[in-house]
N, C-alpha and C. Protein backbone atom coordinates (compact mmCIF):
# COMPACT_ATOMS: atom_id res chain seq x y z
N MET A 1 107.49 81.13 3.89
CA MET A 1 106.74 80.55 2.80
C MET A 1 106.95 79.25 2.62
N ARG A 2 108.13 78.68 2.83
CA ARG A 2 108.17 77.11 2.61
C ARG A 2 107.36 76.50 3.77
N LEU A 3 107.41 77.02 4.93
CA LEU A 3 106.58 76.28 5.95
C LEU A 3 105.16 76.16 5.52
N PHE A 4 104.73 77.46 5.07
CA PHE A 4 103.15 77.45 4.58
C PHE A 4 103.00 76.39 3.59
N LYS A 5 103.92 76.46 2.68
CA LYS A 5 103.51 75.33 1.57
C LYS A 5 103.54 73.92 2.14
N LEU A 6 104.44 73.62 3.02
CA LEU A 6 104.36 72.17 3.56
C LEU A 6 103.10 72.02 4.38
N ALA A 7 102.67 73.19 5.08
CA ALA A 7 101.44 72.76 5.81
C ALA A 7 100.28 72.63 5.05
N THR A 8 100.40 73.34 3.82
CA THR A 8 99.34 73.25 2.90
C THR A 8 99.18 71.73 2.40
N VAL A 9 100.46 71.26 2.04
CA VAL A 9 100.50 70.08 1.28
C VAL A 9 100.02 68.86 2.41
N LEU A 10 100.37 68.96 3.62
CA LEU A 10 100.06 67.97 4.69
C LEU A 10 98.47 68.22 4.90
N SER A 11 97.72 69.30 5.03
CA SER A 11 96.49 69.39 5.13
C SER A 11 95.76 68.66 4.06
N ILE A 12 96.21 68.82 2.65
CA ILE A 12 95.50 68.41 1.61
C ILE A 12 95.74 66.79 1.74
N SER A 13 96.83 66.39 1.95
CA SER A 13 97.25 64.89 2.06
C SER A 13 96.19 64.19 3.21
N LEU A 14 96.16 65.01 4.47
CA LEU A 14 95.23 64.40 5.21
C LEU A 14 93.79 64.26 4.95
N VAL A 15 93.21 65.37 4.15
CA VAL A 15 91.79 65.21 3.52
C VAL A 15 91.74 64.15 2.71
N ILE A 16 92.74 63.93 1.80
CA ILE A 16 92.69 62.60 0.74
C ILE A 16 92.63 61.46 1.49
N ILE A 17 93.41 61.31 2.65
CA ILE A 17 93.60 60.05 3.24
C ILE A 17 92.24 59.91 4.09
N ALA A 18 91.69 60.73 4.39
CA ALA A 18 90.46 60.40 5.41
C ALA A 18 89.15 60.06 4.52
N CYS A 19 89.22 60.69 3.37
CA CYS A 19 88.17 60.51 2.46
C CYS A 19 88.73 59.63 1.15
N LYS A 20 89.35 58.53 1.45
CA LYS A 20 90.14 57.99 0.18
C LYS A 20 88.96 57.02 -0.60
N THR A 21 89.41 56.92 -1.83
CA THR A 21 88.37 56.39 -2.74
C THR A 21 88.89 54.99 -3.02
N GLU A 22 89.56 54.27 -2.20
CA GLU A 22 90.03 52.86 -2.41
C GLU A 22 88.78 52.10 -2.33
N PRO A 23 89.28 50.71 -3.09
CA PRO A 23 87.94 49.70 -2.98
C PRO A 23 87.35 49.77 -1.51
N ALA A 24 86.20 49.59 -1.52
CA ALA A 24 85.28 49.48 -0.15
C ALA A 24 85.58 48.14 0.22
N GLU A 25 85.55 47.92 1.64
CA GLU A 25 85.71 46.79 2.29
C GLU A 25 84.33 46.50 2.96
N THR A 26 83.95 44.95 3.07
CA THR A 26 82.83 44.58 3.65
C THR A 26 83.28 43.56 4.88
N ALA A 27 83.03 43.81 5.86
CA ALA A 27 83.33 43.03 7.09
C ALA A 27 82.24 42.61 8.08
N LYS A 28 82.31 41.41 8.65
CA LYS A 28 81.37 41.06 9.80
C LYS A 28 81.78 42.11 10.89
N PRO A 29 80.75 42.33 11.85
CA PRO A 29 80.71 43.33 12.86
C PRO A 29 81.70 42.85 13.79
N GLN A 30 82.33 43.65 14.54
CA GLN A 30 83.34 43.11 15.58
C GLN A 30 82.92 43.54 16.89
N ALA A 31 82.98 42.57 17.75
CA ALA A 31 82.81 42.79 19.07
C ALA A 31 83.38 42.02 20.22
N ALA A 32 84.14 42.47 21.11
CA ALA A 32 85.09 42.15 21.72
C ALA A 32 84.73 41.07 22.68
N THR A 33 83.45 40.98 23.17
CA THR A 33 82.92 40.26 24.29
C THR A 33 82.23 39.01 23.59
N VAL A 34 82.03 38.81 22.09
CA VAL A 34 81.14 37.64 21.65
C VAL A 34 81.95 36.81 20.89
N GLU A 35 81.83 35.49 20.70
CA GLU A 35 82.28 34.66 19.62
C GLU A 35 81.82 34.87 18.36
N ALA A 36 82.40 34.47 17.44
CA ALA A 36 82.28 34.64 16.07
C ALA A 36 80.98 34.09 15.50
N THR A 37 80.55 32.96 16.22
CA THR A 37 79.26 32.46 15.98
C THR A 37 77.97 33.33 16.47
N GLN A 38 77.95 34.15 17.49
CA GLN A 38 77.20 34.72 18.09
C GLN A 38 76.79 35.96 17.29
N VAL A 39 75.35 36.24 17.42
CA VAL A 39 74.79 37.47 16.79
C VAL A 39 75.26 38.71 17.60
N VAL A 40 75.65 39.93 16.82
CA VAL A 40 75.88 41.01 17.31
C VAL A 40 74.87 42.09 17.16
N MET A 41 74.26 42.48 18.25
CA MET A 41 73.18 43.36 18.04
C MET A 41 73.49 44.94 17.94
N ALA A 42 72.71 45.45 16.93
CA ALA A 42 73.07 46.94 16.62
C ALA A 42 72.81 47.70 18.08
N PRO A 43 73.58 48.78 18.29
CA PRO A 43 73.32 49.76 19.54
C PRO A 43 71.98 50.50 19.11
N GLU A 44 71.39 50.66 20.05
CA GLU A 44 70.07 51.55 19.96
C GLU A 44 70.70 52.89 20.01
N PHE A 45 69.68 54.01 19.05
CA PHE A 45 70.01 55.41 19.18
C PHE A 45 68.97 55.91 19.20
N ALA A 46 68.99 57.16 19.52
CA ALA A 46 67.96 58.24 19.50
C ALA A 46 68.65 59.54 19.15
N GLY A 47 67.91 60.32 18.47
CA GLY A 47 68.46 61.80 18.20
C GLY A 47 67.62 62.63 17.46
N LYS A 48 68.03 63.73 16.90
CA LYS A 48 67.15 64.70 16.09
C LYS A 48 67.49 64.65 14.60
N THR A 49 66.61 64.52 13.75
CA THR A 49 67.03 64.51 12.17
C THR A 49 67.44 66.08 11.85
N LEU A 50 67.92 66.12 10.55
CA LEU A 50 68.26 67.31 10.06
C LEU A 50 66.97 68.38 9.96
N LYS A 51 65.86 67.83 10.04
CA LYS A 51 64.50 68.66 9.90
C LYS A 51 64.05 68.64 11.40
N GLY A 52 64.96 68.53 12.47
CA GLY A 52 64.48 69.06 13.74
C GLY A 52 63.53 67.90 14.38
N GLU A 53 63.32 66.57 13.77
CA GLU A 53 62.32 65.75 14.29
C GLU A 53 63.05 64.59 15.12
N GLU A 54 62.36 64.20 16.24
CA GLU A 54 62.92 63.09 17.09
C GLU A 54 62.90 61.72 16.34
N PHE A 55 63.91 61.09 16.24
CA PHE A 55 64.03 59.80 15.64
C PHE A 55 64.65 58.66 16.52
N SER A 56 64.21 57.45 16.62
CA SER A 56 64.86 56.44 17.39
C SER A 56 64.93 55.34 16.68
N SER A 57 65.92 54.26 16.92
CA SER A 57 65.96 53.10 16.25
C SER A 57 64.87 52.34 16.65
N GLN A 58 64.16 52.49 17.72
CA GLN A 58 63.05 51.66 18.11
C GLN A 58 61.77 51.87 16.93
N GLU A 59 61.93 53.13 16.08
CA GLU A 59 61.02 52.91 15.16
C GLU A 59 61.24 52.16 13.94
N LEU A 60 62.59 51.42 13.98
CA LEU A 60 62.94 50.52 12.90
C LEU A 60 62.79 48.99 13.26
N SER A 61 62.06 48.74 14.46
CA SER A 61 61.83 47.46 14.94
C SER A 61 61.39 46.44 14.00
N GLY A 62 62.11 45.52 13.58
CA GLY A 62 61.57 44.40 12.48
C GLY A 62 61.82 44.78 11.21
N LYS A 63 62.55 45.89 10.98
CA LYS A 63 62.81 46.53 9.54
C LYS A 63 64.44 46.33 9.30
N VAL A 64 64.64 46.06 7.99
CA VAL A 64 66.15 46.00 7.59
C VAL A 64 66.56 47.54 7.23
N TYR A 65 67.71 47.84 7.69
CA TYR A 65 68.04 49.19 7.44
C TYR A 65 69.64 49.32 7.33
N ILE A 66 69.89 50.26 6.55
CA ILE A 66 71.43 50.51 6.55
C ILE A 66 71.79 52.05 7.22
N LEU A 67 72.63 52.22 8.18
CA LEU A 67 73.05 53.29 8.79
C LEU A 67 74.14 53.65 8.25
N ASN A 68 74.16 54.87 7.74
CA ASN A 68 75.38 55.32 6.83
C ASN A 68 75.92 56.79 7.53
N PHE A 69 77.27 56.34 7.92
CA PHE A 69 77.82 57.72 8.78
C PHE A 69 78.47 58.37 7.51
N PHE A 70 78.22 59.63 7.34
CA PHE A 70 78.73 60.36 6.18
C PHE A 70 78.88 62.10 6.45
N ALA A 71 79.54 62.71 5.59
CA ALA A 71 79.86 64.19 5.84
C ALA A 71 79.46 64.79 4.34
N SER A 72 78.86 65.96 4.35
CA SER A 72 78.59 66.70 3.09
C SER A 72 79.67 67.09 2.25
N TRP A 73 81.01 67.36 2.86
CA TRP A 73 82.29 67.58 2.24
C TRP A 73 83.07 66.46 1.78
N CYS A 74 82.48 65.26 2.04
CA CYS A 74 83.41 64.05 1.70
C CYS A 74 83.05 63.39 0.27
N PRO A 75 83.90 63.64 -0.63
CA PRO A 75 83.63 63.24 -2.04
C PRO A 75 83.25 61.75 -2.19
N PRO A 76 83.72 60.71 -1.44
CA PRO A 76 83.14 59.32 -1.56
C PRO A 76 81.68 59.29 -1.03
N CYS A 77 81.45 59.97 -0.12
CA CYS A 77 80.12 60.14 0.52
C CYS A 77 79.14 60.86 -0.42
N ARG A 78 79.58 61.77 -1.13
CA ARG A 78 78.65 62.31 -2.10
C ARG A 78 78.42 61.48 -3.35
N ALA A 79 79.36 60.72 -3.59
CA ALA A 79 79.25 59.88 -4.77
C ALA A 79 78.20 58.73 -4.68
N GLU A 80 78.03 58.18 -3.38
CA GLU A 80 77.15 57.20 -3.10
C GLU A 80 75.81 57.40 -3.05
N VAL A 81 75.59 58.72 -2.71
CA VAL A 81 74.28 59.28 -2.31
C VAL A 81 73.10 59.01 -3.31
N PRO A 82 73.43 59.38 -4.75
CA PRO A 82 72.51 59.18 -5.67
C PRO A 82 71.89 57.80 -5.77
N ASP A 83 72.84 56.63 -5.58
CA ASP A 83 72.55 55.29 -5.68
C ASP A 83 71.57 54.91 -4.33
N MET A 84 71.96 55.30 -3.27
CA MET A 84 71.31 55.15 -2.07
C MET A 84 69.72 55.83 -2.12
N ILE A 85 69.80 56.96 -2.89
CA ILE A 85 68.40 57.59 -3.14
C ILE A 85 67.34 56.66 -3.88
N GLU A 86 68.17 56.04 -5.01
CA GLU A 86 67.39 55.20 -6.05
C GLU A 86 67.05 53.97 -5.22
N LEU A 87 67.91 53.35 -4.53
CA LEU A 87 67.64 52.07 -3.81
C LEU A 87 66.62 52.42 -2.73
N GLN A 88 66.64 53.50 -2.01
CA GLN A 88 65.35 53.69 -1.06
C GLN A 88 64.15 53.69 -1.69
N ASP A 89 64.12 54.38 -2.83
CA ASP A 89 62.76 54.31 -3.60
C ASP A 89 62.42 52.70 -4.00
N GLU A 90 63.33 51.83 -4.37
CA GLU A 90 63.15 50.68 -4.90
C GLU A 90 62.80 49.75 -3.60
N TYR A 91 63.20 49.96 -2.46
CA TYR A 91 63.09 49.00 -1.26
C TYR A 91 62.10 49.37 -0.31
N LYS A 92 61.60 50.70 -0.26
CA LYS A 92 60.94 50.98 0.77
C LYS A 92 59.59 50.40 1.11
N GLN A 93 59.10 49.89 -0.16
CA GLN A 93 57.76 49.23 0.03
C GLN A 93 58.02 47.70 0.75
N LYS A 94 59.23 47.31 0.67
CA LYS A 94 59.61 46.13 1.36
C LYS A 94 59.99 46.35 2.68
N GLY A 95 59.94 47.61 3.34
CA GLY A 95 60.29 47.70 4.69
C GLY A 95 61.72 48.23 4.83
N PHE A 96 62.54 48.47 3.94
CA PHE A 96 63.80 48.80 3.94
C PHE A 96 63.97 50.44 4.13
N THR A 97 65.05 50.91 4.74
CA THR A 97 65.35 52.32 4.86
C THR A 97 66.65 52.40 4.97
N PHE A 98 67.37 53.47 4.40
CA PHE A 98 68.59 53.84 4.74
C PHE A 98 68.24 55.03 6.06
N ILE A 99 69.37 55.17 6.58
CA ILE A 99 69.36 56.18 7.80
C ILE A 99 70.49 56.86 7.76
N GLY A 100 70.81 57.92 7.26
CA GLY A 100 71.92 58.96 7.16
C GLY A 100 72.41 59.17 8.55
N VAL A 101 73.60 59.40 8.87
CA VAL A 101 73.98 59.82 10.00
C VAL A 101 75.10 61.00 9.68
N THR A 102 74.91 62.29 9.76
CA THR A 102 76.04 63.05 9.38
C THR A 102 76.93 63.56 10.64
N VAL A 103 77.98 63.68 10.20
CA VAL A 103 79.00 64.03 11.14
C VAL A 103 79.64 65.33 10.94
N ASP A 104 78.83 66.17 10.19
CA ASP A 104 79.24 67.42 9.71
C ASP A 104 78.96 68.55 10.91
N GLU A 105 80.06 69.30 11.11
CA GLU A 105 79.97 70.35 12.44
C GLU A 105 79.14 71.39 11.78
N ASP A 106 78.99 71.83 10.48
CA ASP A 106 78.15 72.75 10.12
C ASP A 106 76.75 72.43 9.44
N LEU A 107 75.71 72.29 10.48
CA LEU A 107 74.47 71.72 9.90
C LEU A 107 73.72 72.50 8.83
N THR A 108 73.96 73.64 8.60
CA THR A 108 73.58 74.32 7.68
C THR A 108 73.81 73.77 6.28
N LYS A 109 75.21 73.46 6.27
CA LYS A 109 75.77 72.71 4.85
C LYS A 109 75.05 71.45 4.76
N ALA A 110 75.03 70.72 6.06
CA ALA A 110 74.51 69.34 5.71
C ALA A 110 73.15 69.26 5.32
N ARG A 111 72.18 70.42 5.77
CA ARG A 111 70.93 70.43 5.43
C ARG A 111 70.97 70.78 3.75
N GLN A 112 71.69 71.83 3.48
CA GLN A 112 71.91 72.07 2.23
C GLN A 112 72.35 70.92 1.42
N PHE A 113 73.12 70.01 1.76
CA PHE A 113 73.54 68.96 0.90
C PHE A 113 72.32 67.91 0.76
N ALA A 114 71.56 67.78 1.73
CA ALA A 114 70.38 66.79 1.82
C ALA A 114 69.29 67.40 0.86
N ASP A 115 69.08 68.69 0.70
CA ASP A 115 68.06 69.35 -0.05
C ASP A 115 68.62 69.36 -1.27
N ASP A 116 69.95 69.74 -1.73
CA ASP A 116 70.50 69.61 -3.08
C ASP A 116 70.46 68.18 -3.78
N PHE A 117 70.65 67.02 -2.99
CA PHE A 117 70.48 65.74 -3.54
C PHE A 117 69.33 65.20 -3.32
N GLY A 118 68.33 65.94 -2.84
CA GLY A 118 67.02 65.20 -2.63
C GLY A 118 66.79 64.01 -1.72
N ILE A 119 67.56 64.13 -0.83
CA ILE A 119 67.65 62.70 0.06
C ILE A 119 66.32 62.53 0.58
N ASN A 120 66.05 61.08 0.26
CA ASN A 120 64.60 60.69 0.77
C ASN A 120 64.47 59.88 1.68
N PHE A 121 65.47 59.92 2.83
CA PHE A 121 65.59 59.03 3.87
C PHE A 121 65.91 60.04 4.99
N PRO A 122 65.59 59.30 6.34
CA PRO A 122 65.92 60.29 7.59
C PRO A 122 67.38 60.40 7.62
N VAL A 123 67.80 61.63 8.02
CA VAL A 123 69.38 61.92 8.22
C VAL A 123 69.57 62.48 9.60
N LEU A 124 70.09 61.68 10.60
CA LEU A 124 70.32 62.19 11.83
C LEU A 124 71.42 62.95 12.14
N VAL A 125 71.66 63.76 13.08
CA VAL A 125 72.84 64.43 13.42
C VAL A 125 73.61 63.68 14.50
N ALA A 126 74.63 63.22 14.14
CA ALA A 126 75.69 62.35 15.06
C ALA A 126 75.99 62.99 16.30
N ASP A 127 75.95 62.28 17.35
CA ASP A 127 76.41 62.69 18.72
C ASP A 127 77.35 61.86 19.04
N GLN A 128 78.31 62.18 20.13
CA GLN A 128 79.47 61.51 20.34
C GLN A 128 78.84 59.89 21.06
N GLN A 129 77.80 59.91 21.67
CA GLN A 129 77.42 58.66 22.26
C GLN A 129 77.17 57.66 20.97
N MET A 130 76.47 58.15 19.88
CA MET A 130 76.25 57.08 18.78
C MET A 130 77.56 56.77 18.07
N ILE A 131 78.44 57.78 18.04
CA ILE A 131 79.63 57.43 17.35
C ILE A 131 80.39 56.52 17.95
N GLU A 132 80.66 56.60 19.56
CA GLU A 132 81.13 55.51 20.40
C GLU A 132 80.54 54.30 20.19
N ALA A 133 79.25 54.32 20.17
CA ALA A 133 78.60 52.87 20.19
C ALA A 133 78.97 52.23 19.08
N TYR A 134 78.84 53.02 17.97
CA TYR A 134 79.10 52.06 16.53
C TYR A 134 80.67 52.00 16.29
N SER A 135 81.52 52.49 16.98
CA SER A 135 82.95 52.59 16.89
C SER A 135 83.37 51.05 17.49
N ASP A 136 82.49 50.41 18.50
CA ASP A 136 82.67 49.29 19.23
C ASP A 136 82.77 48.19 18.02
N HIS A 137 82.01 48.21 16.95
CA HIS A 137 81.94 47.42 15.93
C HIS A 137 82.78 47.36 14.65
N VAL A 138 83.75 48.37 14.74
CA VAL A 138 84.55 48.39 13.62
C VAL A 138 86.01 48.26 14.14
N GLN A 139 86.85 47.54 13.49
CA GLN A 139 88.23 47.42 14.03
C GLN A 139 88.83 48.75 13.94
N GLY A 140 89.35 49.17 15.21
CA GLY A 140 90.02 50.57 15.01
C GLY A 140 89.00 51.56 15.16
N GLY A 141 87.81 51.32 15.38
CA GLY A 141 86.96 52.41 15.68
C GLY A 141 86.42 52.90 14.51
N LEU A 142 85.31 53.74 14.31
CA LEU A 142 84.72 54.71 13.53
C LEU A 142 85.61 55.76 13.12
N ARG A 143 86.63 55.72 12.21
CA ARG A 143 87.55 56.59 12.03
C ARG A 143 87.27 57.11 10.30
N SER A 144 86.71 56.60 9.60
CA SER A 144 86.61 57.09 8.16
C SER A 144 85.10 57.17 7.92
N ILE A 145 85.04 57.95 6.77
CA ILE A 145 83.59 57.99 6.33
C ILE A 145 83.85 57.80 4.84
N PRO A 146 82.79 57.31 4.00
CA PRO A 146 81.63 56.78 4.73
C PRO A 146 81.62 55.29 5.18
N THR A 147 81.08 55.23 6.37
CA THR A 147 80.91 53.90 6.84
C THR A 147 79.70 53.47 7.09
N SER A 148 79.14 52.39 6.81
CA SER A 148 77.75 51.93 6.70
C SER A 148 77.63 50.52 7.66
N PHE A 149 76.70 50.42 8.24
CA PHE A 149 76.14 49.17 8.97
C PHE A 149 74.94 48.61 8.51
N VAL A 150 74.88 47.38 8.15
CA VAL A 150 73.72 46.78 7.56
C VAL A 150 73.06 46.14 8.88
N ILE A 151 71.85 46.49 8.94
CA ILE A 151 71.17 46.12 10.07
C ILE A 151 70.10 45.16 9.88
N SER A 152 69.90 43.90 10.25
CA SER A 152 69.12 42.83 9.86
C SER A 152 67.55 43.12 10.54
N ALA A 153 66.55 42.55 10.09
CA ALA A 153 65.33 42.68 10.67
C ALA A 153 65.16 42.39 12.06
N ASN A 154 66.10 41.46 12.65
CA ASN A 154 66.09 41.10 14.15
C ASN A 154 67.00 41.97 14.77
N GLY A 155 67.53 43.17 14.27
CA GLY A 155 68.26 44.07 14.92
C GLY A 155 69.74 43.81 15.09
N SER A 156 70.19 42.79 14.40
CA SER A 156 71.52 42.44 14.46
C SER A 156 72.41 43.15 13.26
N ILE A 157 73.60 43.35 13.59
CA ILE A 157 74.62 43.95 12.57
C ILE A 157 75.05 42.72 11.61
N SER A 158 74.65 42.89 10.28
CA SER A 158 75.07 41.69 9.61
C SER A 158 76.31 42.07 8.73
N SER A 159 76.57 43.27 8.38
CA SER A 159 78.00 43.68 7.72
C SER A 159 78.06 45.12 8.16
N VAL A 160 79.48 45.35 7.99
CA VAL A 160 80.01 46.59 8.25
C VAL A 160 80.69 47.05 7.02
N LEU A 161 80.22 48.15 6.32
CA LEU A 161 80.91 48.62 4.94
C LEU A 161 81.88 49.76 5.10
N LEU A 162 83.24 49.58 4.68
CA LEU A 162 84.15 50.82 5.07
C LEU A 162 84.27 51.37 3.67
N GLY A 163 84.23 52.56 3.48
CA GLY A 163 84.25 53.19 2.24
C GLY A 163 83.03 53.15 1.33
N ALA A 164 83.10 53.90 0.14
CA ALA A 164 81.80 54.23 -0.61
C ALA A 164 81.63 52.77 -1.24
N GLN A 165 80.33 52.73 -1.42
CA GLN A 165 79.77 51.54 -1.88
C GLN A 165 79.06 51.77 -3.54
N SER A 166 79.05 50.88 -4.18
CA SER A 166 78.59 50.74 -5.61
C SER A 166 77.02 50.54 -5.41
N LYS A 167 76.38 50.86 -6.38
CA LYS A 167 74.82 50.59 -6.18
C LYS A 167 74.56 48.94 -6.29
N MET A 168 75.39 48.15 -6.85
CA MET A 168 75.23 47.05 -7.00
C MET A 168 75.53 46.31 -5.66
N ALA A 169 76.65 46.78 -4.94
CA ALA A 169 76.99 46.27 -3.66
C ALA A 169 75.84 46.46 -2.69
N PHE A 170 75.54 47.72 -2.49
CA PHE A 170 74.11 48.18 -1.83
C PHE A 170 73.23 47.06 -2.17
N ASP A 171 72.88 47.21 -3.24
CA ASP A 171 71.73 46.29 -3.75
C ASP A 171 71.74 44.69 -3.23
N GLY A 172 72.85 44.06 -3.44
CA GLY A 172 72.90 42.79 -3.02
C GLY A 172 72.95 42.48 -1.41
N LEU A 173 73.48 43.64 -0.61
CA LEU A 173 73.30 43.73 0.71
C LEU A 173 72.04 43.80 1.34
N ILE A 174 71.12 44.70 0.61
CA ILE A 174 69.68 44.72 0.87
C ILE A 174 68.90 43.63 0.66
N ARG A 175 69.22 42.99 -0.52
CA ARG A 175 68.29 42.01 -0.88
C ARG A 175 68.70 40.72 0.08
N GLU A 176 70.02 40.57 0.58
CA GLU A 176 70.31 39.50 1.36
C GLU A 176 69.82 39.66 2.68
N ALA A 177 69.90 40.77 3.22
CA ALA A 177 69.15 41.07 4.51
C ALA A 177 67.60 40.91 4.43
N ILE A 178 67.12 41.47 3.44
CA ILE A 178 65.57 41.35 3.31
C ILE A 178 65.18 39.69 3.15
N ASP A 179 65.87 39.02 2.45
CA ASP A 179 65.80 37.66 2.29
C ASP A 179 65.84 36.84 3.55
N ALA A 180 66.79 37.13 4.26
CA ALA A 180 67.28 36.59 5.61
C ALA A 180 66.05 36.79 6.63
N GLY A 181 65.34 37.76 6.47
CA GLY A 181 64.35 38.13 7.47
C GLY A 181 63.06 37.46 7.22
N ASN A 182 62.82 36.98 5.92
CA ASN A 182 61.66 36.02 5.32
C ASN A 182 61.70 34.65 5.82
C-alpha cells in the first residue's frame, strides 16, 4: 500500500511539473548553426488538421502566425485558449492566425476540446518530424507545453514562448510582428 501511495504522489508530481503554471518565458529562437544577428527561419511543416484536412506552412506564406503546441489535458494550455480565440477574431482581418498543434495521443479528446472551446483557428495533429524540427529552436528541446513560436511575415521565428501566455502578452507580440511586416 505504501508503494502505491508513493507511486501516486510521484505521478501527480510529474504532471504538475510538466504543466507548470510558473510565469511564462519569452526568448529569442535558438539555432546552433547561426549567429545571434542572423534570422532563424521557421521549419516548414505539413500535416492533417483535427478535421482531417491537409494543411501546410506554405499556406501561411507572407502571414504572421503563432504556432502553439498544446494538449487538451494541460491546464495552462486550456487557460490560454479563450484569449487566443478572441485574438484570432481581432487580428484575422490583418492576415494573422494562430495554428494549434495538438500533442494529444487521444484525438477524440482533442477534437472534443476544440469543439467545446469553439477553437476558430486550424489545429494540426503533431507528428514526430514537426516536434523534432521545432525542438531545435528551444533550449533543451520542446519538452513542455504550452510552447508557442511567433512567426513573422518573412517566415522567421521572432519569439519562442515557454508556458501559458496572457492575452496582453500575445496581443503585444502579434502587434509587434504585424508592424514589423509593414
